[in-house]
Protein backbone atom coordinates (compact mmCIF):
# COMPACT_ATOMS: atom_id res chain seq x y z
CA MET A 1 -25.33 2.61 -1.26
CA SER A 2 -21.98 2.92 -3.01
CA THR A 3 -20.02 6.38 -2.92
CA ARG A 4 -20.88 6.82 -6.57
CA SER A 5 -24.43 5.46 -6.64
CA ALA A 6 -24.95 7.85 -3.65
CA GLU A 7 -23.32 10.66 -5.98
CA VAL A 8 -25.22 9.90 -9.10
CA LEU A 9 -28.57 9.44 -7.50
CA ARG A 10 -27.88 12.84 -5.87
CA ALA A 11 -27.08 14.37 -9.37
CA LEU A 12 -30.27 13.36 -10.75
CA THR A 13 -32.27 14.38 -7.37
CA ALA A 14 -31.33 17.65 -8.05
CA ARG A 15 -32.21 18.11 -11.55
CA SER A 16 -35.24 15.78 -11.50
CA SER A 17 -37.53 18.99 -11.30
CA GLU A 18 -36.63 19.42 -15.15
CA PHE A 19 -37.80 16.04 -16.43
CA VAL A 20 -40.94 15.78 -14.20
CA ALA A 21 -41.76 18.49 -16.17
CA ILE A 22 -41.28 16.83 -18.87
CA ARG A 23 -43.25 13.55 -18.04
CA ARG A 24 -46.17 15.77 -16.96
CA ASP A 25 -45.94 17.01 -20.10
CA ILE A 26 -46.48 13.67 -21.88
CA HIS A 27 -49.40 12.97 -19.39
CA ARG A 28 -50.34 15.86 -20.79
CA TYR A 29 -50.66 15.27 -24.10
CA PRO A 30 -50.74 11.32 -24.68
CA GLU A 31 -50.68 9.69 -27.86
CA LEU A 32 -52.14 5.72 -28.54
CA PRO A 33 -50.41 3.36 -29.72
CA PHE A 34 -48.35 4.15 -32.85
CA ASP A 35 -49.28 7.36 -33.10
CA GLU A 36 -46.58 8.58 -30.53
CA HIS A 37 -45.49 11.83 -33.19
CA ARG A 38 -45.32 14.71 -30.64
CA THR A 39 -43.54 12.39 -27.82
CA SER A 40 -40.91 11.18 -29.67
CA GLU A 41 -39.77 14.10 -31.38
CA LEU A 42 -39.57 15.44 -27.95
CA VAL A 43 -37.51 12.56 -26.85
CA ALA A 44 -34.92 12.92 -30.44
CA ARG A 45 -34.81 16.68 -29.93
CA ARG A 46 -33.25 16.15 -25.98
CA LEU A 47 -31.32 13.45 -27.42
CA GLN A 48 -30.06 15.38 -30.20
CA ALA A 49 -29.31 17.67 -27.99
CA TRP A 50 -27.11 16.28 -26.05
CA GLY A 51 -25.02 14.35 -28.51
CA TYR A 52 -26.88 11.22 -28.77
CA GLU A 53 -26.60 9.92 -32.81
CA VAL A 54 -30.76 9.59 -33.61
CA GLU A 55 -32.82 7.53 -35.73
CA ARG A 56 -36.34 8.47 -35.86
CA GLY A 57 -38.82 6.26 -37.34
CA LEU A 58 -38.16 2.80 -36.51
CA GLY A 59 -41.41 0.36 -35.79
CA GLY A 60 -43.05 3.54 -37.20
CA THR A 61 -42.71 6.12 -34.39
CA GLY A 62 -40.04 4.76 -32.76
CA VAL A 63 -36.75 6.67 -31.64
CA VAL A 64 -33.38 5.19 -30.84
CA GLY A 65 -30.47 7.17 -29.45
CA ARG A 66 -26.75 6.29 -29.83
CA LEU A 67 -23.88 7.26 -27.57
CA VAL A 68 -20.41 5.89 -27.87
CA ARG A 69 -17.76 6.44 -25.77
CA GLY A 70 -14.01 5.55 -25.45
CA HIS A 71 -12.57 2.10 -27.21
CA GLY A 72 -14.67 0.00 -25.39
CA HIS A 73 -16.54 -3.07 -26.92
CA ARG A 74 -19.86 -3.75 -25.07
CA ARG A 75 -22.66 -2.57 -25.99
CA LEU A 76 -25.87 -1.95 -23.47
CA GLY A 77 -29.43 -1.72 -24.26
CA LEU A 78 -32.10 0.41 -22.24
CA ARG A 79 -35.53 0.53 -23.68
CA ALA A 80 -38.63 2.67 -22.31
CA ASP A 81 -41.84 2.79 -24.03
CA MET A 82 -44.18 5.68 -24.91
CA ASP A 83 -47.37 4.72 -25.43
CA ALA A 84 -50.89 5.46 -23.86
CA LEU A 85 -54.07 3.28 -23.42
CA PRO A 86 -57.47 4.67 -25.20
CA ILE A 87 -59.37 5.16 -21.29
CA ASP A 88 -60.82 8.79 -19.73
CA GLU A 89 -59.39 10.03 -17.19
CA THR A 90 -60.56 10.82 -13.76
CA SER A 91 -57.22 11.88 -11.74
CA GLY A 92 -58.11 15.11 -11.11
CA VAL A 93 -53.88 16.39 -11.36
CA PRO A 94 -53.36 19.72 -12.62
CA HIS A 95 -51.46 17.59 -15.78
CA ALA A 96 -54.51 15.60 -16.77
CA SER A 97 -54.80 14.57 -20.25
CA CYS A 98 -56.13 16.99 -22.73
CA HIS A 99 -57.20 14.54 -25.04
CA ALA A 100 -61.06 13.13 -24.41
CA GLY A 101 -60.33 9.24 -24.42
CA VAL A 102 -56.80 8.85 -24.31
CA MET A 103 -54.68 8.97 -21.08
CA HIS A 104 -51.02 7.59 -19.60
CA ALA A 105 -52.57 4.97 -17.08
CA CYS A 106 -49.46 2.79 -17.36
CA GLY A 107 -46.51 4.69 -16.07
CA HIS A 108 -44.60 5.09 -19.72
CA ASP A 109 -44.75 8.86 -19.51
CA GLY A 110 -42.74 8.08 -16.49
CA HIS A 111 -40.46 5.52 -17.90
CA THR A 112 -39.56 7.72 -20.87
CA ALA A 113 -38.90 10.19 -18.21
CA MET A 114 -36.70 8.36 -15.97
CA LEU A 115 -34.44 7.28 -18.95
CA LEU A 116 -34.16 11.02 -20.46
CA ALA A 117 -33.10 11.54 -17.35
CA ALA A 118 -30.46 9.43 -17.33
CA ALA A 119 -30.24 10.07 -20.66
CA GLU A 120 -28.79 13.56 -20.19
CA TYR A 121 -26.48 12.51 -17.31
CA LEU A 122 -24.80 9.84 -18.94
CA ALA A 123 -24.14 12.31 -21.82
CA ARG A 124 -22.56 15.29 -19.50
CA GLU A 125 -21.04 13.40 -16.99
CA GLY A 126 -21.19 8.90 -17.38
CA ARG A 127 -18.33 7.03 -16.71
CA PHE A 128 -17.94 4.63 -19.34
CA GLU A 129 -16.39 2.97 -22.17
CA GLY A 130 -18.44 1.66 -25.39
CA THR A 131 -22.02 1.90 -27.02
CA LEU A 132 -24.73 3.37 -25.58
CA ASN A 133 -28.03 2.79 -26.73
CA LEU A 134 -31.24 3.80 -25.68
CA ILE A 135 -34.71 2.39 -26.99
CA PHE A 136 -37.85 4.26 -26.98
CA GLN A 137 -40.57 1.92 -28.00
CA PRO A 138 -43.51 2.72 -29.55
CA ALA A 139 -46.92 1.17 -29.12
CA GLU A 140 -46.04 -1.59 -25.85
CA GLU A 141 -50.21 -1.85 -25.47
CA ALA A 142 -50.80 -4.71 -27.28
CA GLY A 143 -49.76 -3.24 -30.37
CA GLY A 144 -46.22 -5.04 -30.63
CA GLY A 145 -43.79 -2.00 -31.21
CA ALA A 146 -41.04 -4.18 -29.80
CA LEU A 147 -41.63 -6.75 -33.13
CA ARG A 148 -41.96 -3.72 -35.63
CA MET A 149 -38.91 -1.91 -33.97
CA MET A 150 -37.23 -5.40 -34.50
CA ASP A 151 -39.13 -5.94 -38.09
CA ASP A 152 -36.90 -2.37 -38.78
CA GLY A 153 -33.94 -3.77 -37.91
CA LEU A 154 -33.77 -2.61 -34.46
CA PHE A 155 -30.52 -4.98 -33.24
CA ASP A 156 -28.98 -4.99 -36.85
CA LYS A 157 -28.60 -1.57 -36.81
CA TYR A 158 -27.88 -0.94 -32.69
CA PRO A 159 -26.46 -4.83 -31.54
CA CYS A 160 -26.46 -5.22 -27.82
CA ASP A 161 -24.78 -7.65 -25.82
CA ALA A 162 -27.99 -6.64 -22.80
CA VAL A 163 -31.13 -5.23 -22.83
CA PHE A 164 -33.12 -3.99 -19.86
CA ALA A 165 -36.34 -2.32 -19.13
CA MET A 166 -38.24 -1.04 -16.13
CA HIS A 167 -41.87 -1.00 -15.15
CA ASN A 168 -43.89 1.29 -12.20
CA LEU A 169 -45.68 -1.11 -9.98
CA PRO A 170 -48.81 0.57 -7.74
CA GLY A 171 -49.64 -1.88 -4.18
CA LEU A 172 -45.40 -1.18 -3.35
CA PRO A 173 -43.46 1.42 -1.25
CA SER A 174 -42.42 4.22 -4.09
CA GLY A 175 -38.89 3.25 -5.23
CA ARG A 176 -38.79 -0.29 -4.21
CA LEU A 177 -36.80 -2.14 -7.13
CA VAL A 178 -38.02 -5.39 -7.78
CA PHE A 179 -35.86 -8.23 -9.57
CA ARG A 180 -37.00 -11.40 -11.06
CA GLU A 181 -35.72 -13.95 -12.49
CA GLY A 182 -36.79 -16.77 -15.13
CA ALA A 183 -40.38 -16.83 -16.06
CA THR A 184 -41.53 -12.60 -15.21
CA GLY A 185 -44.04 -12.19 -17.24
CA ALA A 186 -46.72 -14.13 -18.57
CA SER A 187 -48.11 -14.49 -22.75
CA SER A 188 -50.43 -13.55 -23.92
CA ASP A 189 -53.25 -14.79 -26.90
CA TYR A 190 -56.63 -14.05 -28.07
CA ALA A 191 -59.06 -16.26 -29.19
CA SER A 192 -62.43 -14.94 -30.99
CA VAL A 193 -65.13 -18.02 -30.96
CA THR A 194 -68.42 -17.57 -33.61
CA LEU A 195 -70.87 -19.74 -32.96
CA THR A 196 -73.40 -20.81 -36.02
CA GLY A 197 -76.50 -22.20 -35.59
CA VAL A 198 -80.39 -22.13 -36.95
CA GLY A 199 -82.16 -19.20 -35.41
CA GLY A 200 -86.06 -19.25 -34.55
CA HIS A 201 -88.58 -18.60 -32.14
CA GLY A 202 -88.61 -18.91 -28.62
CA ALA A 203 -91.35 -20.76 -27.91
CA MET A 204 -90.33 -23.29 -30.68
CA PRO A 205 -86.56 -23.96 -29.64
CA HIS A 206 -86.77 -27.84 -30.74
CA LYS A 207 -86.95 -25.99 -34.59
CA ALA A 208 -83.97 -24.00 -33.84
CA THR A 209 -79.97 -24.79 -33.28
CA ASP A 210 -79.21 -22.92 -30.59
CA PRO A 211 -75.71 -21.15 -30.63
CA LEU A 212 -76.33 -19.48 -27.48
CA VAL A 213 -76.91 -22.71 -25.27
CA ALA A 214 -73.52 -24.22 -27.06
CA ALA A 215 -71.53 -20.46 -25.97
CA ALA A 216 -73.01 -21.20 -22.17
CA SER A 217 -71.81 -25.19 -21.76
CA ILE A 218 -68.67 -23.69 -23.55
CA VAL A 219 -68.10 -21.41 -20.72
CA MET A 220 -67.94 -23.40 -18.42
CA ALA A 221 -65.81 -25.98 -20.15
CA LEU A 222 -63.29 -23.93 -20.45
CA GLN A 223 -63.49 -23.55 -16.81
CA THR A 224 -62.28 -27.20 -16.46
CA ILE A 225 -58.73 -26.46 -18.45
CA VAL A 226 -56.36 -25.08 -15.91
CA SER A 227 -57.86 -27.26 -13.31
CA ARG A 228 -57.94 -30.47 -14.54
CA ASN A 229 -55.70 -29.88 -17.51
CA ILE A 230 -52.45 -27.92 -16.40
CA ASP A 231 -50.51 -28.94 -13.26
CA PRO A 232 -51.75 -27.21 -10.30
CA LEU A 233 -47.70 -26.12 -9.68
CA GLN A 234 -48.13 -24.23 -13.18
CA MET A 235 -50.25 -20.52 -13.50
CA ALA A 236 -52.50 -20.64 -15.98
CA VAL A 237 -55.79 -17.88 -17.16
CA VAL A 238 -58.65 -18.93 -19.35
CA THR A 239 -61.05 -15.80 -18.87
CA VAL A 240 -64.00 -15.29 -21.69
CA GLY A 241 -64.16 -11.17 -21.47
CA ALA A 242 -67.51 -11.14 -23.60
CA LEU A 243 -70.73 -13.38 -25.33
CA ASN A 244 -72.35 -11.72 -27.21
CA ALA A 245 -75.70 -13.31 -28.99
CA GLY A 246 -79.19 -12.08 -28.81
CA ARG A 247 -81.24 -9.13 -28.81
CA ALA A 248 -84.56 -10.36 -27.56
CA ASN A 249 -85.95 -12.68 -25.10
CA ASN A 250 -88.48 -15.04 -27.36
CA VAL A 251 -85.75 -15.29 -30.31
CA ILE A 252 -83.23 -17.70 -30.77
CA PRO A 253 -80.37 -15.88 -32.55
CA GLN A 254 -78.33 -17.60 -35.35
CA GLN A 255 -75.42 -16.54 -33.87
CA ALA A 256 -73.10 -16.19 -31.11
CA GLN A 257 -69.22 -14.62 -30.47
CA LEU A 258 -67.13 -15.37 -27.23
CA GLU A 259 -63.60 -13.40 -27.14
CA ILE A 260 -61.44 -15.72 -24.68
CA SER A 261 -58.10 -14.62 -23.26
CA VAL A 262 -55.47 -17.09 -22.54
CA ARG A 263 -52.08 -16.96 -20.27
CA ALA A 264 -49.33 -18.38 -19.21
CA LEU A 265 -45.97 -18.20 -17.37
CA ASP A 266 -44.71 -21.70 -19.33
CA ARG A 267 -44.29 -21.90 -23.18
CA ALA A 268 -45.01 -25.91 -22.68
CA VAL A 269 -47.87 -25.04 -20.79
CA ARG A 270 -48.19 -22.18 -23.12
CA GLU A 271 -48.26 -24.63 -26.22
CA ARG A 272 -51.02 -27.02 -23.47
CA LEU A 273 -53.32 -24.07 -23.42
CA ARG A 274 -54.09 -23.55 -26.98
CA GLU A 275 -54.46 -27.25 -27.78
CA ARG A 276 -57.50 -27.64 -24.89
CA VAL A 277 -59.15 -24.47 -26.08
CA LEU A 278 -58.75 -25.84 -29.84
CA ALA A 279 -59.97 -28.86 -29.14
CA LEU A 280 -62.98 -28.31 -26.26
CA VAL A 281 -64.46 -25.45 -27.94
CA GLN A 282 -65.13 -27.72 -31.47
CA ALA A 283 -66.14 -30.80 -29.01
CA GLN A 284 -68.63 -28.68 -27.07
CA ALA A 285 -70.38 -26.95 -30.94
CA GLU A 286 -70.49 -30.27 -32.61
CA SER A 287 -72.50 -31.78 -29.43
CA TYR A 288 -74.78 -29.05 -29.36
CA GLU A 289 -75.28 -29.62 -33.38
CA VAL A 290 -73.25 -26.14 -34.14
CA LYS A 291 -70.47 -24.79 -36.26
CA ALA A 292 -67.55 -22.99 -34.63
CA ALA A 293 -65.14 -20.57 -35.93
CA ILE A 294 -62.19 -20.09 -34.18
CA ASP A 295 -59.36 -17.24 -35.07
CA TRP A 296 -56.88 -17.47 -33.04
CA ARG A 297 -54.22 -14.84 -32.67
CA PRO A 298 -50.92 -15.28 -30.90
CA GLY A 299 -50.14 -12.40 -27.99
CA TYR A 300 -46.81 -11.68 -26.63
CA SER A 301 -44.34 -14.57 -25.47
CA VAL A 302 -43.28 -14.80 -21.73
CA LEU A 303 -41.06 -12.83 -20.59
CA VAL A 304 -37.93 -14.75 -19.38
CA ASN A 305 -35.09 -13.14 -17.30
CA THR A 306 -31.56 -14.00 -17.72
CA ALA A 307 -29.66 -15.26 -14.85
CA GLU A 308 -26.80 -13.68 -15.35
CA GLU A 309 -28.64 -10.08 -16.22
CA THR A 310 -30.17 -10.08 -13.56
CA GLN A 311 -27.98 -11.06 -10.94
CA LEU A 312 -26.08 -7.88 -12.10
CA ALA A 313 -28.92 -5.35 -11.91
CA ARG A 314 -29.79 -6.36 -8.37
CA GLU A 315 -26.56 -5.59 -7.67
CA VAL A 316 -26.88 -2.32 -9.05
CA GLY A 317 -30.16 -2.12 -7.32
CA ILE A 318 -28.82 -3.09 -3.91
CA ALA A 319 -25.31 -0.65 -3.94
CA LEU A 320 -28.15 2.25 -5.05
CA LEU A 321 -30.91 2.35 -2.69
CA GLY A 322 -29.69 -0.57 -0.20
CA ALA A 323 -30.61 -4.23 0.45
CA GLU A 324 -33.92 -3.30 2.21
CA SER A 325 -35.50 -1.12 -0.89
CA VAL A 326 -34.81 -4.20 -3.21
CA GLU A 327 -36.54 -7.46 -3.44
CA LEU A 328 -33.91 -9.95 -5.10
CA GLN A 329 -36.57 -12.98 -6.86
CA GLY A 330 -40.47 -11.34 -6.56
CA ALA A 331 -43.38 -13.15 -7.76
CA ALA A 332 -44.02 -13.83 -11.37
CA LEU A 333 -47.06 -11.44 -12.58
CA PRO A 334 -49.82 -12.52 -14.92
CA GLY A 335 -49.57 -9.42 -17.23
CA SER A 336 -47.60 -9.27 -20.77
CA GLU A 337 -44.73 -7.26 -21.68
CA ASP A 338 -43.65 -7.28 -25.10
CA PHE A 339 -40.28 -6.75 -24.00
CA ALA A 340 -40.47 -10.50 -24.01
CA PHE A 341 -39.77 -10.77 -27.79
CA MET A 342 -36.41 -8.12 -27.38
CA LEU A 343 -35.29 -10.74 -24.40
CA GLU A 344 -36.01 -13.97 -26.78
CA ARG A 345 -33.52 -11.83 -29.05
CA VAL A 346 -31.03 -10.93 -26.83
CA PRO A 347 -30.13 -11.42 -22.61
CA GLY A 348 -31.55 -9.28 -20.51
CA SER A 349 -33.61 -8.39 -17.99
CA TYR A 350 -37.24 -6.47 -16.99
CA LEU A 351 -37.17 -4.97 -13.12
CA PHE A 352 -39.96 -3.22 -11.21
CA ILE A 353 -40.18 0.02 -9.53
CA GLY A 354 -42.96 0.75 -6.56
CA ASN A 355 -44.97 3.33 -7.67
CA GLY A 356 -46.46 3.57 -3.98
CA ASP A 357 -49.00 1.62 -1.60
CA ARG A 358 -50.62 4.60 0.30
CA PRO A 359 -54.47 3.81 0.77
CA GLY A 360 -56.80 4.30 -2.66
CA SER A 361 -53.47 3.99 -4.51
CA CYS A 362 -54.57 2.87 -8.46
CA MET A 363 -53.21 0.33 -10.37
CA VAL A 364 -52.52 0.95 -14.08
CA HIS A 365 -55.04 0.88 -16.73
CA HIS A 366 -57.15 2.17 -14.02
CA PRO A 367 -58.58 6.25 -14.34
CA GLY A 368 -57.50 7.37 -11.86
CA TYR A 369 -53.49 6.50 -11.87
CA ASP A 370 -50.55 8.56 -12.08
CA PHE A 371 -46.82 7.82 -11.66
CA ASP A 372 -45.36 8.91 -8.89
CA ASP A 373 -42.71 11.38 -9.70
CA HIS A 374 -40.37 10.25 -7.02
CA ASN A 375 -39.51 7.68 -9.17
CA VAL A 376 -37.84 9.86 -12.14
CA ALA A 377 -34.74 10.69 -9.92
CA ILE A 378 -34.89 6.78 -8.74
CA GLY A 379 -35.38 5.38 -12.06
CA GLY A 380 -32.86 7.75 -13.71
CA ALA A 381 -30.16 7.10 -11.37
CA TYR A 382 -30.65 3.74 -11.60
CA TRP A 383 -29.86 3.50 -15.88
CA VAL A 384 -26.76 5.24 -15.23
CA CYS A 385 -25.57 3.42 -12.41
CA LEU A 386 -26.93 0.25 -14.63
CA ALA A 387 -24.53 1.60 -17.52
CA GLU A 388 -21.73 2.39 -15.82
CA ARG A 389 -21.35 -0.44 -14.38
CA PHE A 390 -21.94 -2.58 -16.98
CA LEU A 391 -19.94 -1.05 -19.76
CA GLY A 392 -17.50 -0.18 -17.58
CA ASP A 393 -13.90 1.70 -18.25
CA GLY A 394 -13.99 -0.78 -21.87
CA ASN A 395 -10.94 -2.76 -20.04
CA SER A 396 -12.64 -5.83 -19.11
CA SER A 397 -15.13 -8.58 -20.94
CA ARG A 398 -17.25 -8.10 -18.04
CA GLN A 399 -17.59 -5.83 -15.50
CA ARG A 400 -18.71 -7.60 -12.37
């Protein structure tokens, strides 16, 4: 641990109670994608009080705080997400959600608190020259908030030479940092399939054209795409999450609906999956003499961390916590993240911080999940150290 990193971590730890309280307040009052009005106003007011130039409403409910110091030409973006999930909380913590059916089950309350802790310290004692852009994003949870902010001119108004984000990861010791160069998060695409046949009496199937049998065959045939059309060394997922058809045991329904999720860690594999799903569904439907209507919906891109920015992020982590608390090249994850869209525009890196590995601890998106408050100081200190390292004193083109 470097002397400066230790100083920052001690300072953030000493002040962590204030930001833990903010985290728990956000957790108690969760808001769904594009409805983060209370949260974004809390963020904006804090940033303004600390001297940041603040813009509200970017991408609907997004907030950007900009702090310019000295004559440095470097520009850094740090991003946190703010939205919650449509889940009934069962954690039993004192700060549990007071909004029925909505909870912070992914830790975005913690991500926001970590970046706010860093924001306050950087405004008060940060040692840097250049432009710091703090991006508080709405609607990461399948809402496409990153794209909405970018469509509203995020990187035109607040250009960045690099952008970074952090997500908590249950199952790892609290505070452990995990980095990965290259493909890190999967793409996510979705298909809704409607099969239309001819309904009829269950006792006279020859007078009907059964879409349910076709649907069952399609479900099984889809399982062959990954095993027979994709390189075994590549990651790919095709999941049928819903099959809805009929209501009575003696009636052949006229329609059946399938909901399909498709994921990949490679752009070429992603396109191959799309081709095969569309072709296979149509071919299977025709073989059973039913019609297939397919609504294909592209989701998030493959999240790809750039090499130079990831190496810098690793070095900051080692300086802060020591090599024993850092994983330099962690495994890729099949989950999706819309920070991928930002990384398609600006180089950068997406890292993980362990949220605890105690027996019985909950994974994200679980109704019993809660963010580990010890990470507020560690994550905040990481952002401070990264900002100071990246922006430096403004005298060199790249602080390494």
